[in-house]
Amino acid sequence: YTAEYIYGSWKVEHNWPPCCNVQFIGRSCNVENETLALLEDNGVNHGDFDASVLRDVQTAVESGLTLRSDQEMGWSPTPDMYEGRRDYRKQRIFTIDPTTAKDLDDALHITELDDGRVEIGVHIADVSYFVRPDSGVDGEAQRRATTVYLVDRVIPMLPKPLCEIACSLNENVERLAFSCVWRMNKDGTLENRAGKTKGDEVWYGR
């Protein structure tokens, strides 16, 4: 079980500080109980997302929702979402993740240039497109702070329609990203080119 100390009420004549029971978890030496105790002890919010948060997410992604051939939910950007964005769909972009990973939030591309240099691109899922400041999902993400990975489970920072679908850089699907792209020599150095500055060699944005 977990207990909470009642601050300021421990009197000198009492051997132990007064507490109130908060939650009964179960007996020790049980994997599930020990896992729940670990999460509680570290303040990890592992409960379900509130209905209001899920409504925010549904509103944010609904215009691009699709039903895949395997009857699972999918998502694709609508034409207006491409406006003002650089298009990297012709690049060979890849992620480095375990085969069991579902929330693929970062990816890379590497292209050899004609002048002997290489172009490197780092692409991060553009979560900010879907999560608006001060929205319900924004507040919940701030409270959770991060996705927690345990041996047998994942406690997500964002609801599944975002972290595993619309904001996951999955294979053979189009996604929105925030990118940083730069060109450099094969020894890893950057240099100015005739008529260009280092600012021309590095770009970041949507």
C-alpha atoms as a PDB file:
ATOM      1  CA  TYR A   1       0.000   0.000   0.000  1.00  0.00           C
ATOM      2  CA  THR A   2       1.009   3.639  -0.203  1.00  0.00           C
ATOM      3  CA  ALA A   3       0.565   6.043   2.665  1.00  0.00           C
ATOM      4  CA  GLU A   4       0.763   9.789   3.045  1.00  0.00           C
ATOM      5  CA  TYR A   5       2.283  11.594   6.008  1.00  0.00           C
ATOM      6  CA  ILE A   6       0.089  14.238   7.637  1.00  0.00           C
ATOM      7  CA  TYR A   7       2.584  17.070   7.887  1.00  0.00           C
ATOM      8  CA  GLY A   8       2.948  19.048  11.111  1.00  0.00           C
ATOM      9  CA  SER A   9       0.997  16.626  13.268  1.00  0.00           C
ATOM     10  CA  TRP A  10       3.782  14.366  14.613  1.00  0.00           C
ATOM     11  CA  LYS A  11       3.702  14.974  18.335  1.00  0.00           C
ATOM     12  CA  VAL A  12       6.615  14.257  20.640  1.00  0.00           C
ATOM     13  CA  GLU A  13       4.654  11.651  22.582  1.00  0.00           C
ATOM     14  CA  HIS A  14       4.034   9.556  19.427  1.00  0.00           C
ATOM     15  CA  ASN A  15       6.579   6.957  18.314  1.00  0.00           C
ATOM     16  CA  TRP A  16       5.530   7.102  14.667  1.00  0.00           C
ATOM     17  CA  PRO A  17       4.291   9.925  12.454  1.00  0.00           C
ATOM     18  CA  PRO A  18       0.554   9.796  11.725  1.00  0.00           C
ATOM     19  CA  CYS A  19      -0.302   8.758   8.176  1.00  0.00           C
ATOM     20  CA  CYS A  20      -3.409   8.164   6.148  1.00  0.00           C
ATOM     21  CA  ASN A  21      -3.762   5.251   3.762  1.00  0.00           C
ATOM     22  CA  VAL A  22      -3.860   6.415   0.148  1.00  0.00           C
ATOM     23  CA  GLN A  23      -3.941   3.204  -1.847  1.00  0.00           C
ATOM     24  CA  PHE A  24      -3.742  -0.532  -1.241  1.00  0.00           C
ATOM     25  CA  ILE A  25      -1.582  -2.126  -3.930  1.00  0.00           C
ATOM     26  CA  GLY A  26      -1.183  -5.703  -2.741  1.00  0.00           C
ATOM     27  CA  ARG A  27       1.377  -8.080  -1.324  1.00  0.00           C
ATOM     28  CA  SER A  28       5.063  -7.770  -2.096  1.00  0.00           C
ATOM     29  CA  CYS A  29       7.009 -10.314  -4.176  1.00  0.00           C
ATOM     30  CA  ASN A  30       4.446  -9.988  -6.960  1.00  0.00           C
ATOM     31  CA  VAL A  31       5.666  -8.477 -10.232  1.00  0.00           C
ATOM     32  CA  GLU A  32       2.508  -6.484 -10.943  1.00  0.00           C
ATOM     33  CA  ASN A  33       2.274  -5.147  -7.394  1.00  0.00           C
ATOM     34  CA  GLU A  34       5.962  -4.272  -7.269  1.00  0.00           C
ATOM     35  CA  THR A  35       5.664  -2.493 -10.617  1.00  0.00           C
ATOM     36  CA  LEU A  36       2.707  -0.425  -9.430  1.00  0.00           C
ATOM     37  CA  ALA A  37       4.571   0.411  -6.218  1.00  0.00           C
ATOM     38  CA  LEU A  38       7.587   1.512  -8.268  1.00  0.00           C
ATOM     39  CA  LEU A  39       5.430   3.796 -10.403  1.00  0.00           C
ATOM     40  CA  GLU A  40       3.695   5.288  -7.374  1.00  0.00           C
ATOM     41  CA  ASP A  41       6.969   5.773  -5.515  1.00  0.00           C
ATOM     42  CA  ASN A  42       8.388   7.747  -8.442  1.00  0.00           C
ATOM     43  CA  GLY A  43       5.279   9.799  -9.065  1.00  0.00           C
ATOM     44  CA  VAL A  44       4.604   8.331 -12.509  1.00  0.00           C
ATOM     45  CA  ASN A  45       1.087   9.058 -13.760  1.00  0.00           C
ATOM     46  CA  HIS A  46       0.089   5.684 -15.191  1.00  0.00           C
ATOM     47  CA  GLY A  47      -3.672   6.117 -15.247  1.00  0.00           C
ATOM     48  CA  ASP A  48      -5.897   6.474 -18.284  1.00  0.00           C
ATOM     49  CA  PHE A  49      -6.120   9.795 -20.064  1.00  0.00           C
ATOM     50  CA  ASP A  50      -9.116  11.949 -19.145  1.00  0.00           C
ATOM     51  CA  ALA A  51     -12.003  12.066 -21.607  1.00  0.00           C
ATOM     52  CA  SER A  52     -11.380  15.785 -22.185  1.00  0.00           C
ATOM     53  CA  VAL A  53      -7.789  15.060 -23.224  1.00  0.00           C
ATOM     54  CA  LEU A  54      -8.930  12.356 -25.640  1.00  0.00           C
ATOM     55  CA  ARG A  55     -11.458  14.766 -27.141  1.00  0.00           C
ATOM     56  CA  ASP A  56      -8.677  17.309 -27.743  1.00  0.00           C
ATOM     57  CA  VAL A  57      -6.629  14.648 -29.512  1.00  0.00           C
ATOM     58  CA  GLN A  58      -9.571  13.458 -31.596  1.00  0.00           C
ATOM     59  CA  THR A  59     -10.244  17.014 -32.748  1.00  0.00           C
ATOM     60  CA  ALA A  60      -6.572  17.524 -33.646  1.00  0.00           C
ATOM     61  CA  VAL A  61      -6.181  14.388 -35.776  1.00  0.00           C
ATOM     62  CA  GLU A  62      -9.658  13.683 -37.143  1.00  0.00           C
ATOM     63  CA  SER A  63      -9.186  15.428 -40.521  1.00  0.00           C
ATOM     64  CA  GLY A  64      -6.423  12.977 -41.454  1.00  0.00           C
ATOM     65  CA  LEU A  65      -7.776   9.753 -39.950  1.00  0.00           C
ATOM     66  CA  THR A  66      -8.052   6.766 -42.291  1.00  0.00           C
ATOM     67  CA  LEU A  67      -8.908   3.089 -42.014  1.00  0.00           C
ATOM     68  CA  ARG A  68      -6.054   0.882 -43.207  1.00  0.00           C
ATOM     69  CA  SER A  69      -6.475  -2.332 -45.174  1.00  0.00           C
ATOM     70  CA  ASP A  70      -5.843  -4.333 -41.986  1.00  0.00           C
ATOM     71  CA  GLN A  71      -8.773  -2.469 -40.372  1.00  0.00           C
ATOM     72  CA  GLU A  72      -6.431  -0.617 -38.010  1.00  0.00           C
ATOM     73  CA  MET A  73      -6.642   3.149 -37.649  1.00  0.00           C
ATOM     74  CA  GLY A  74      -4.232   5.157 -39.790  1.00  0.00           C
ATOM     75  CA  TRP A  75      -3.504   8.811 -40.458  1.00  0.00           C
ATOM     76  CA  SER A  76      -2.321  10.856 -43.452  1.00  0.00           C
ATOM     77  CA  PRO A  77      -1.721  14.611 -43.816  1.00  0.00           C
ATOM     78  CA  THR A  78      -4.384  16.550 -45.694  1.00  0.00           C
ATOM     79  CA  PRO A  79      -3.231  18.775 -48.606  1.00  0.00           C
ATOM     80  CA  ASP A  80      -3.426  21.990 -46.563  1.00  0.00           C
ATOM     81  CA  MET A  81      -0.990  20.556 -44.002  1.00  0.00           C
ATOM     82  CA  TYR A  82       1.822  20.582 -46.586  1.00  0.00           C
ATOM     83  CA  GLU A  83       1.616  24.335 -47.143  1.00  0.00           C
ATOM     84  CA  GLY A  84       4.808  26.176 -46.179  1.00  0.00           C
ATOM     85  CA  ARG A  85       6.737  22.967 -45.505  1.00  0.00           C
ATOM     86  CA  ARG A  86       9.856  21.570 -47.135  1.00  0.00           C
ATOM     87  CA  ASP A  87       9.207  18.270 -48.860  1.00  0.00           C
ATOM     88  CA  TYR A  88      11.593  15.432 -47.979  1.00  0.00           C
ATOM     89  CA  ARG A  89       9.396  12.582 -49.183  1.00  0.00           C
ATOM     90  CA  LYS A  90      11.840  11.680 -51.963  1.00  0.00           C
ATOM     91  CA  GLN A  91      14.670  11.133 -49.482  1.00  0.00           C
ATOM     92  CA  ARG A  92      15.430   7.710 -48.048  1.00  0.00           C
ATOM     93  CA  ILE A  93      14.516   8.450 -44.437  1.00  0.00           C
ATOM     94  CA  PHE A  94      14.955   5.867 -41.697  1.00  0.00           C
ATOM     95  CA  THR A  95      14.606   5.439 -37.953  1.00  0.00           C
ATOM     96  CA  ILE A  96      16.859   3.561 -35.543  1.00  0.00           C
ATOM     97  CA  ASP A  97      14.542   1.770 -33.130  1.00  0.00           C
ATOM     98  CA  PRO A  98      13.800  -1.729 -31.803  1.00  0.00           C
ATOM     99  CA  THR A  99      11.443  -3.794 -33.935  1.00  0.00           C
ATOM    100  CA  THR A 100       8.878  -3.633 -31.124  1.00  0.00           C
ATOM    101  CA  ALA A 101       8.857   0.179 -30.965  1.00  0.00           C
ATOM    102  CA  LYS A 102       5.561   1.894 -31.771  1.00  0.00           C
ATOM    103  CA  ASP A 103       6.257   5.575 -31.108  1.00  0.00           C
ATOM    104  CA  LEU A 104       8.951   6.440 -33.656  1.00  0.00           C
ATOM    105  CA  ASP A 105       9.547  10.118 -33.005  1.00  0.00           C
ATOM    106  CA  ASP A 106      12.878  10.772 -34.753  1.00  0.00           C
ATOM    107  CA  ALA A 107      14.395   9.833 -38.106  1.00  0.00           C
ATOM    108  CA  LEU A 108      17.441  10.532 -40.290  1.00  0.00           C
ATOM    109  CA  HIS A 109      18.497  10.873 -43.890  1.00  0.00           C
ATOM    110  CA  ILE A 110      22.017  10.857 -45.332  1.00  0.00           C
ATOM    111  CA  THR A 111      22.670  11.813 -48.952  1.00  0.00           C
ATOM    112  CA  GLU A 112      26.008  11.909 -50.776  1.00  0.00           C
ATOM    113  CA  LEU A 113      26.353  15.127 -52.798  1.00  0.00           C
ATOM    114  CA  ASP A 114      28.039  15.610 -56.174  1.00  0.00           C
ATOM    115  CA  ASP A 115      30.766  17.801 -54.634  1.00  0.00           C
ATOM    116  CA  GLY A 116      31.910  15.004 -52.313  1.00  0.00           C
ATOM    117  CA  ARG A 117      30.137  16.255 -49.219  1.00  0.00           C
ATOM    118  CA  VAL A 118      27.143  14.706 -47.489  1.00  0.00           C
ATOM    119  CA  GLU A 119      23.783  16.109 -46.473  1.00  0.00           C
ATOM    120  CA  ILE A 120      22.485  15.019 -43.070  1.00  0.00           C
ATOM    121  CA  GLY A 121      18.874  15.464 -42.022  1.00  0.00           C
ATOM    122  CA  VAL A 122      17.398  14.918 -38.570  1.00  0.00           C
ATOM    123  CA  HIS A 123      13.602  14.830 -38.544  1.00  0.00           C
ATOM    124  CA  ILE A 124      11.510  15.015 -35.370  1.00  0.00           C
ATOM    125  CA  ALA A 125       7.770  14.369 -35.335  1.00  0.00           C
ATOM    126  CA  ASP A 126       5.993  17.741 -35.333  1.00  0.00           C
ATOM    127  CA  VAL A 127       3.915  17.188 -32.209  1.00  0.00           C
ATOM    128  CA  SER A 128       3.404  20.942 -31.813  1.00  0.00           C
ATOM    129  CA  TYR A 129       1.154  20.912 -34.894  1.00  0.00           C
ATOM    130  CA  PHE A 130      -1.377  18.821 -32.976  1.00  0.00           C
ATOM    131  CA  VAL A 131      -0.811  19.904 -29.365  1.00  0.00           C
ATOM    132  CA  ARG A 132      -1.826  23.518 -28.905  1.00  0.00           C
ATOM    133  CA  PRO A 133      -0.577  25.591 -25.938  1.00  0.00           C
ATOM    134  CA  ASP A 134      -2.766  25.377 -22.837  1.00  0.00           C
ATOM    135  CA  SER A 135      -4.978  22.662 -24.330  1.00  0.00           C
ATOM    136  CA  GLY A 136      -5.995  19.686 -22.226  1.00  0.00           C
ATOM    137  CA  VAL A 137      -3.476  17.391 -23.887  1.00  0.00           C
ATOM    138  CA  ASP A 138      -0.737  20.029 -23.452  1.00  0.00           C
ATOM    139  CA  GLY A 139      -1.391  20.182 -19.717  1.00  0.00           C
ATOM    140  CA  GLU A 140      -1.460  16.397 -19.394  1.00  0.00           C
ATOM    141  CA  ALA A 141       1.801  16.041 -21.344  1.00  0.00           C
ATOM    142  CA  GLN A 142       3.446  18.576 -19.041  1.00  0.00           C
ATOM    143  CA  ARG A 143       2.295  16.645 -15.986  1.00  0.00           C
ATOM    144  CA  ARG A 144       3.560  13.337 -17.366  1.00  0.00           C
ATOM    145  CA  ALA A 145       6.758  14.972 -18.683  1.00  0.00           C
ATOM    146  CA  THR A 146       8.020  11.907 -20.559  1.00  0.00           C
ATOM    147  CA  THR A 147       7.143   8.453 -21.817  1.00  0.00           C
ATOM    148  CA  VAL A 148       8.246   5.830 -19.293  1.00  0.00           C
ATOM    149  CA  TYR A 149       9.637   2.548 -20.632  1.00  0.00           C
ATOM    150  CA  LEU A 150       9.558  -0.508 -18.385  1.00  0.00           C
ATOM    151  CA  VAL A 151      10.501  -4.083 -19.220  1.00  0.00           C
ATOM    152  CA  ASP A 152       6.925  -5.198 -19.821  1.00  0.00           C
ATOM    153  CA  ARG A 153       5.031  -1.980 -20.631  1.00  0.00           C
ATOM    154  CA  VAL A 154       5.166   1.588 -21.840  1.00  0.00           C
ATOM    155  CA  ILE A 155       3.451   4.461 -20.049  1.00  0.00           C
ATOM    156  CA  PRO A 156       2.956   7.098 -22.768  1.00  0.00           C
ATOM    157  CA  MET A 157       3.177  10.855 -22.396  1.00  0.00           C
ATOM    158  CA  LEU A 158       0.640  11.335 -25.186  1.00  0.00           C
ATOM    159  CA  PRO A 159      -2.489   9.351 -26.116  1.00  0.00           C
ATOM    160  CA  LYS A 160      -2.134   6.564 -28.691  1.00  0.00           C
ATOM    161  CA  PRO A 161      -3.713   8.459 -31.647  1.00  0.00           C
ATOM    162  CA  LEU A 162      -0.784  10.878 -31.388  1.00  0.00           C
ATOM    163  CA  CYS A 163       2.232   8.914 -30.142  1.00  0.00           C
ATOM    164  CA  GLU A 164       1.623   5.719 -32.147  1.00  0.00           C
ATOM    165  CA  ILE A 165      -0.263   7.017 -35.185  1.00  0.00           C
ATOM    166  CA  ALA A 166      -0.239  10.668 -36.287  1.00  0.00           C
ATOM    167  CA  CYS A 167       3.136  11.530 -34.690  1.00  0.00           C
ATOM    168  CA  SER A 168       4.918   8.223 -35.243  1.00  0.00           C
ATOM    169  CA  LEU A 169       7.329   8.203 -38.196  1.00  0.00           C
ATOM    170  CA  ASN A 170       6.230   4.782 -39.378  1.00  0.00           C
ATOM    171  CA  GLU A 171       7.406   3.006 -42.508  1.00  0.00           C
ATOM    172  CA  ASN A 172       5.849   3.947 -45.861  1.00  0.00           C
ATOM    173  CA  VAL A 173       3.558   6.664 -44.509  1.00  0.00           C
ATOM    174  CA  GLU A 174       3.719  10.447 -44.748  1.00  0.00           C
ATOM    175  CA  ARG A 175       4.165  12.461 -41.567  1.00  0.00           C
ATOM    176  CA  LEU A 176       4.694  16.057 -40.462  1.00  0.00           C
ATOM    177  CA  ALA A 177       8.118  16.812 -39.014  1.00  0.00           C
ATOM    178  CA  PHE A 178      10.380  19.528 -37.692  1.00  0.00           C
ATOM    179  CA  SER A 179      13.787  19.095 -39.316  1.00  0.00           C
ATOM    180  CA  CYS A 180      17.398  20.191 -39.118  1.00  0.00           C
ATOM    181  CA  VAL A 181      19.398  19.639 -42.320  1.00  0.00           C
ATOM    182  CA  TRP A 182      23.056  20.455 -42.889  1.00  0.00           C
ATOM    183  CA  ARG A 183      25.849  19.751 -45.355  1.00  0.00           C
ATOM    184  CA  MET A 184      29.357  18.845 -44.299  1.00  0.00           C
ATOM    185  CA  ASN A 185      32.585  17.222 -45.394  1.00  0.00           C
ATOM    186  CA  LYS A 186      32.984  13.502 -44.904  1.00  0.00           C
ATOM    187  CA  ASP A 187      35.424  14.190 -42.060  1.00  0.00           C
ATOM    188  CA  GLY A 188      32.591  15.914 -40.200  1.00  0.00           C
ATOM    189  CA  THR A 189      33.710  19.529 -40.699  1.00  0.00           C
ATOM    190  CA  LEU A 190      31.641  22.447 -41.988  1.00  0.00           C
ATOM    191  CA  GLU A 191      33.145  25.067 -44.287  1.00  0.00           C
ATOM    192  CA  ASN A 192      32.105  28.199 -46.106  1.00  0.00           C
ATOM    193  CA  ARG A 193      31.587  27.852 -49.843  1.00  0.00           C
ATOM    194  CA  ALA A 194      32.122  30.601 -52.386  1.00  0.00           C
ATOM    195  CA  GLY A 195      29.235  33.054 -52.152  1.00  0.00           C
ATOM    196  CA  LYS A 196      27.688  31.227 -49.214  1.00  0.00           C
ATOM    197  CA  THR A 197      27.791  31.476 -45.450  1.00  0.00           C
ATOM    198  CA  LYS A 198      27.477  28.777 -42.859  1.00  0.00           C
ATOM    199  CA  GLY A 199      23.858  29.822 -42.545  1.00  0.00           C
ATOM    200  CA  ASP A 200      23.306  28.586 -46.094  1.00  0.00           C
ATOM    201  CA  GLU A 201      24.763  25.207 -45.172  1.00  0.00           C
ATOM    202  CA  VAL A 202      22.406  24.600 -42.239  1.00  0.00           C
ATOM    203  CA  TRP A 203      18.610  24.764 -42.326  1.00  0.00           C
ATOM    204  CA  TYR A 204      15.986  24.005 -39.730  1.00  0.00           C
ATOM    205  CA  GLY A 205      12.241  24.346 -39.741  1.00  0.00           C
ATOM    206  CA  ARG A 206       9.095  22.614 -40.912  1.00  0.00           C
END
